[in-house]
N, C-alpha and C. Protein backbone atom coordinates (compact mmCIF):
# COMPACT_ATOMS: atom_id res chain seq x y z
N UNK A 1 -30.23 25.78 -0.71
CA UNK A 1 -30.34 27.28 -0.64
C UNK A 1 -29.87 27.56 0.68
N UNK A 2 -30.95 26.88 1.77
CA UNK A 2 -31.13 27.35 3.17
C UNK A 2 -29.68 27.10 3.76
N UNK A 3 -28.55 26.25 3.72
CA UNK A 3 -27.35 25.87 3.67
C UNK A 3 -26.65 27.48 3.31
N UNK A 4 -27.01 27.64 2.49
CA UNK A 4 -25.82 28.71 2.22
C UNK A 4 -26.43 30.31 2.62
N UNK A 5 -27.42 30.32 3.24
CA UNK A 5 -28.11 31.50 3.39
C UNK A 5 -27.40 31.45 4.98
N UNK A 6 -28.14 30.02 6.03
CA UNK A 6 -27.12 30.12 7.17
C UNK A 6 -26.05 30.53 6.74
N UNK A 7 -25.08 30.21 6.53
CA UNK A 7 -23.61 30.02 6.50
C UNK A 7 -23.44 31.60 6.08
N UNK A 8 -24.14 32.31 5.60
CA UNK A 8 -23.66 33.64 4.86
C UNK A 8 -24.20 34.41 6.36
N UNK A 9 -25.07 34.28 7.11
CA UNK A 9 -25.38 34.60 8.26
C UNK A 9 -25.29 34.56 9.37
N UNK A 10 -24.67 33.14 9.47
CA UNK A 10 -23.46 33.00 10.56
C UNK A 10 -21.74 34.16 10.23
N UNK A 11 -21.78 33.63 9.09
CA UNK A 11 -20.24 34.68 8.62
C UNK A 11 -20.77 36.26 8.91
N UNK A 12 -21.92 36.72 8.57
CA UNK A 12 -22.10 37.84 8.90
C UNK A 12 -21.73 38.43 10.58
N UNK A 13 -22.29 37.39 11.28
CA UNK A 13 -22.51 37.31 12.70
C UNK A 13 -21.05 37.16 13.55
N UNK A 14 -20.08 36.19 13.07
CA UNK A 14 -18.48 36.25 13.32
C UNK A 14 -18.17 37.32 12.84
N UNK A 15 -18.31 37.59 11.78
CA UNK A 15 -17.50 39.16 11.45
C UNK A 15 -17.83 40.55 12.36
N UNK A 16 -18.94 40.27 12.86
CA UNK A 16 -19.40 41.75 13.32
C UNK A 16 -19.17 41.31 15.17
N UNK A 17 -18.28 40.15 15.64
CA UNK A 17 -18.23 39.58 16.96
C UNK A 17 -16.68 40.84 17.17
N UNK A 18 -16.70 41.31 18.21
CA UNK A 18 -15.05 41.94 18.68
C UNK A 18 -14.43 40.56 18.95
N UNK A 19 -12.94 41.22 19.00
CA UNK A 19 -11.66 40.34 18.86
C UNK A 19 -11.74 38.87 19.88
N UNK A 20 -12.37 39.51 21.48
CA UNK A 20 -11.93 38.56 22.29
C UNK A 20 -13.38 37.48 21.67
N UNK A 21 -13.90 37.89 21.71
CA UNK A 21 -15.65 36.78 21.28
C UNK A 21 -15.14 36.22 19.84
N UNK A 22 -14.37 36.86 19.27
CA UNK A 22 -14.09 36.11 17.46
C UNK A 22 -13.02 35.10 17.96
N UNK A 23 -12.08 35.45 18.98
CA UNK A 23 -11.08 34.55 19.59
C UNK A 23 -11.90 33.26 20.29
N UNK A 24 -12.61 33.31 20.56
CA UNK A 24 -13.67 31.95 21.35
C UNK A 24 -14.33 31.36 20.29
N UNK A 25 -14.68 32.35 19.47
CA UNK A 25 -15.40 31.46 18.57
C UNK A 25 -14.50 30.38 17.50
N UNK A 26 -13.51 31.09 17.07
CA UNK A 26 -12.32 30.39 16.61
C UNK A 26 -11.97 29.05 17.21
N UNK A 27 -11.51 29.24 18.82
CA UNK A 27 -11.41 27.96 19.31
C UNK A 27 -12.29 27.00 19.37
N UNK A 28 -13.46 27.69 19.47
CA UNK A 28 -14.57 26.51 19.07
C UNK A 28 -14.79 25.74 18.22
N UNK A 29 -14.58 26.26 16.58
CA UNK A 29 -14.47 26.11 15.38
C UNK A 29 -13.07 24.85 15.16
N UNK A 30 -12.23 25.16 15.80
CA UNK A 30 -11.10 24.00 15.67
C UNK A 30 -10.69 23.88 16.84
N UNK A 31 -11.61 23.28 17.85
CA UNK A 31 -12.03 22.42 19.03
C UNK A 31 -13.08 21.46 17.86
N UNK A 32 -13.89 21.69 17.16
CA UNK A 32 -14.89 21.40 16.90
C UNK A 32 -14.08 20.27 16.02
N UNK A 33 -13.55 20.47 14.81
CA UNK A 33 -13.14 20.32 13.72
C UNK A 33 -11.89 19.19 14.35
N UNK A 34 -11.17 19.24 15.34
CA UNK A 34 -10.48 18.07 15.76
C UNK A 34 -10.76 17.07 15.99
N UNK A 35 -11.99 17.58 16.87
CA UNK A 35 -13.03 16.51 17.48
C UNK A 35 -13.69 15.54 16.53
N UNK A 36 -14.14 16.20 15.30
CA UNK A 36 -14.83 15.74 14.05
C UNK A 36 -13.80 14.95 13.21
N UNK A 37 -12.52 15.26 13.17
CA UNK A 37 -11.65 14.30 12.74
C UNK A 37 -11.49 13.13 13.13
N UNK A 38 -11.08 13.27 14.82
CA UNK A 38 -11.03 12.29 15.28
C UNK A 38 -12.41 10.74 15.43
N UNK A 39 -13.55 11.59 15.26
CA UNK A 39 -14.39 10.72 15.34
C UNK A 39 -14.05 9.91 13.87
N UNK A 40 -14.52 10.91 12.86
CA UNK A 40 -14.39 10.16 11.72
C UNK A 40 -13.26 9.51 11.32
N UNK A 41 -11.91 9.58 12.19
CA UNK A 41 -10.64 8.48 12.26
C UNK A 41 -11.38 7.31 13.01
N UNK A 42 -11.68 7.41 13.74
CA UNK A 42 -12.55 6.22 14.88
C UNK A 42 -13.08 5.32 14.11
N UNK A 43 -14.10 6.19 12.84
CA UNK A 43 -15.31 5.07 12.43
C UNK A 43 -14.73 4.59 11.29
N UNK A 44 -13.68 5.22 10.56
CA UNK A 44 -12.75 4.87 9.02
C UNK A 44 -12.06 3.56 9.94
N UNK A 45 -11.39 3.35 10.75
CA UNK A 45 -10.21 2.44 11.24
C UNK A 45 -11.27 1.32 11.59
N UNK A 46 -12.42 1.84 12.35
CA UNK A 46 -12.90 0.61 12.82
C UNK A 46 -13.92 0.00 11.50
N UNK A 47 -14.15 0.43 10.18
CA UNK A 47 -14.49 -0.04 9.42
C UNK A 47 -13.66 -0.93 8.67
N UNK A 48 -12.50 -0.44 8.34
CA UNK A 48 -11.67 -1.09 7.72
C UNK A 48 -10.68 -2.55 8.44
N UNK A 49 -11.18 -2.19 9.80
CA UNK A 49 -10.48 -3.49 10.56
C UNK A 49 -11.10 -4.45 10.47
N UNK A 50 -12.53 -4.28 10.76
CA UNK A 50 -13.81 -5.19 11.22
C UNK A 50 -14.47 -5.23 9.50
N UNK A 51 -14.47 -4.44 8.81
CA UNK A 51 -15.33 -4.85 7.79
C UNK A 51 -17.14 -4.39 7.90
N UNK A 52 -17.26 -3.74 9.40
CA UNK A 52 -18.44 -3.31 9.72
C UNK A 52 -18.85 -2.17 9.85
N UNK A 53 -19.59 -1.33 9.78
CA UNK A 53 -19.78 0.03 9.61
C UNK A 53 -19.69 0.21 11.46
N UNK A 54 -19.21 1.29 12.01
CA UNK A 54 -19.51 1.55 13.30
C UNK A 54 -20.86 2.29 13.38
N UNK A 55 -21.81 2.83 12.97
CA UNK A 55 -23.13 3.29 13.02
C UNK A 55 -23.78 3.04 11.59
N UNK A 56 -25.00 3.18 12.08
CA UNK A 56 -26.20 2.90 10.76
C UNK A 56 -25.56 1.71 9.83
N UNK A 57 -26.51 1.62 8.99
CA UNK A 57 -26.41 0.38 8.18
C UNK A 57 -26.05 1.25 6.35
N UNK A 58 -25.18 -0.18 5.88
CA UNK A 58 -24.75 -0.09 4.93
C UNK A 58 -25.03 -1.17 3.73
N UNK A 59 -24.70 -0.64 2.30
CA UNK A 59 -25.65 -1.56 1.17
C UNK A 59 -24.19 -2.77 0.91
N UNK A 60 -22.75 -1.69 0.87
CA UNK A 60 -21.66 -2.80 -0.12
C UNK A 60 -20.46 -2.42 0.76
N UNK A 61 -20.52 -0.75 1.05
CA UNK A 61 -19.43 -0.96 1.82
C UNK A 61 -19.67 -0.02 3.09
N UNK A 62 -18.79 -0.87 4.02
CA UNK A 62 -18.71 -0.03 5.39
C UNK A 62 -18.58 1.07 5.68
N UNK A 63 -17.72 1.93 4.44
CA UNK A 63 -17.36 3.62 4.74
C UNK A 63 -18.04 4.62 4.28
N UNK A 64 -19.28 3.68 3.37
CA UNK A 64 -19.95 4.90 3.14
C UNK A 64 -20.97 5.20 4.05
N UNK A 65 -21.52 5.11 5.30
CA UNK A 65 -21.74 5.71 6.73
C UNK A 65 -21.02 7.19 6.96
N UNK A 66 -19.62 6.98 6.72
CA UNK A 66 -18.89 8.40 6.89
C UNK A 66 -19.63 9.28 5.81
N UNK A 67 -20.08 9.05 4.73
CA UNK A 67 -19.91 10.16 3.75
C UNK A 67 -20.39 11.62 4.41
N UNK A 68 -21.81 11.29 5.08
CA UNK A 68 -22.72 12.70 5.72
C UNK A 68 -21.25 13.67 6.75
N UNK A 69 -20.84 12.83 7.26
CA UNK A 69 -19.50 13.56 8.08
C UNK A 69 -18.66 13.92 7.64
N UNK A 70 -18.03 13.40 6.30
CA UNK A 70 -17.21 13.91 5.59
C UNK A 70 -17.73 15.21 4.84
N UNK A 71 -18.43 15.13 4.28
CA UNK A 71 -19.03 16.37 3.84
C UNK A 71 -19.33 17.44 4.59
N UNK A 72 -19.82 17.32 5.61
CA UNK A 72 -19.60 18.27 6.74
C UNK A 72 -18.45 19.03 7.50
N UNK A 73 -17.23 17.71 7.20
CA UNK A 73 -16.24 18.66 7.60
C UNK A 73 -15.29 19.40 6.63
N UNK A 74 -15.81 19.08 5.53
CA UNK A 74 -15.20 19.57 4.15
C UNK A 74 -15.99 21.05 3.57
N UNK A 75 -17.20 21.03 4.85
CA UNK A 75 -17.74 22.47 4.31
C UNK A 75 -17.08 23.35 5.46
N UNK A 76 -16.94 22.80 6.56
CA UNK A 76 -16.07 23.36 7.48
C UNK A 76 -15.08 23.69 7.82
N UNK A 77 -13.98 22.97 6.65
CA UNK A 77 -12.71 23.39 6.46
C UNK A 77 -12.58 24.06 6.18
N UNK A 78 -13.31 25.26 5.11
CA UNK A 78 -12.69 26.17 4.53
C UNK A 78 -12.66 27.42 5.74
N UNK A 79 -13.46 27.28 6.34
CA UNK A 79 -13.21 28.61 7.76
C UNK A 79 -12.39 28.14 8.53
N UNK A 80 -12.74 27.21 8.65
CA UNK A 80 -11.06 26.60 9.80
C UNK A 80 -9.43 26.37 9.22
N UNK A 81 -9.33 26.69 7.88
CA UNK A 81 -8.46 27.01 7.26
C UNK A 81 -8.17 28.51 6.96
N UNK A 82 -9.40 29.39 7.07
CA UNK A 82 -9.02 30.72 7.04
C UNK A 82 -8.49 30.92 8.60
N UNK A 83 -8.97 30.73 9.16
CA UNK A 83 -8.77 30.65 10.42
C UNK A 83 -7.57 30.69 10.96
N UNK A 84 -6.58 29.38 10.56
CA UNK A 84 -5.44 28.76 10.76
C UNK A 84 -4.24 29.74 9.96
N UNK A 85 -4.73 29.69 8.54
CA UNK A 85 -4.01 31.37 7.86
C UNK A 85 -4.30 32.07 8.58
N UNK A 86 -4.63 32.90 9.10
CA UNK A 86 -4.70 34.25 9.73
C UNK A 86 -4.05 34.25 10.86
N UNK A 87 -4.39 32.83 11.52
CA UNK A 87 -3.59 32.59 12.72
C UNK A 87 -1.96 32.85 12.87
N UNK A 88 -1.59 32.35 11.33
CA UNK A 88 -0.22 31.99 10.74
C UNK A 88 0.07 33.13 10.33
N UNK A 89 -0.51 33.81 9.76
CA UNK A 89 0.09 35.33 9.35
C UNK A 89 0.12 36.60 10.97
N UNK A 90 -0.81 36.10 11.86
CA UNK A 90 -0.74 37.23 12.92
C UNK A 90 -0.18 36.75 14.14
N UNK A 91 0.48 35.85 14.44
CA UNK A 91 1.16 35.10 15.18
C UNK A 91 0.15 34.55 15.84
N UNK A 92 0.40 33.55 17.14
CA UNK A 92 -0.45 32.84 17.82
C UNK A 92 -1.23 33.72 18.84
N UNK A 93 -2.26 33.74 18.86
CA UNK A 93 -3.40 34.39 19.80
C UNK A 93 -3.48 33.57 21.02
N UNK A 94 -3.45 33.90 22.22
CA UNK A 94 -3.58 33.53 23.81
C UNK A 94 -5.05 33.93 24.34
């Protein structure tokens, strides 16, 4: 429940920003998504190649340690897709 309330608060705060600050927040979100996906990709390929998890311990499958990161990225994917969709419709912003 606290995640929903926090997300709603962030959504309201970003909605109230002026255009230049909103673009900076969008750039930060998109940059963070790229970095997070790169980190997950490194962890995935390391676990696949070596059979050992890059971080934490695991029970059967070394890929299980990636679950928390995948959940976080999937939750942030919706706002990131909305930003990408809006940018595509409005043209690139500099």
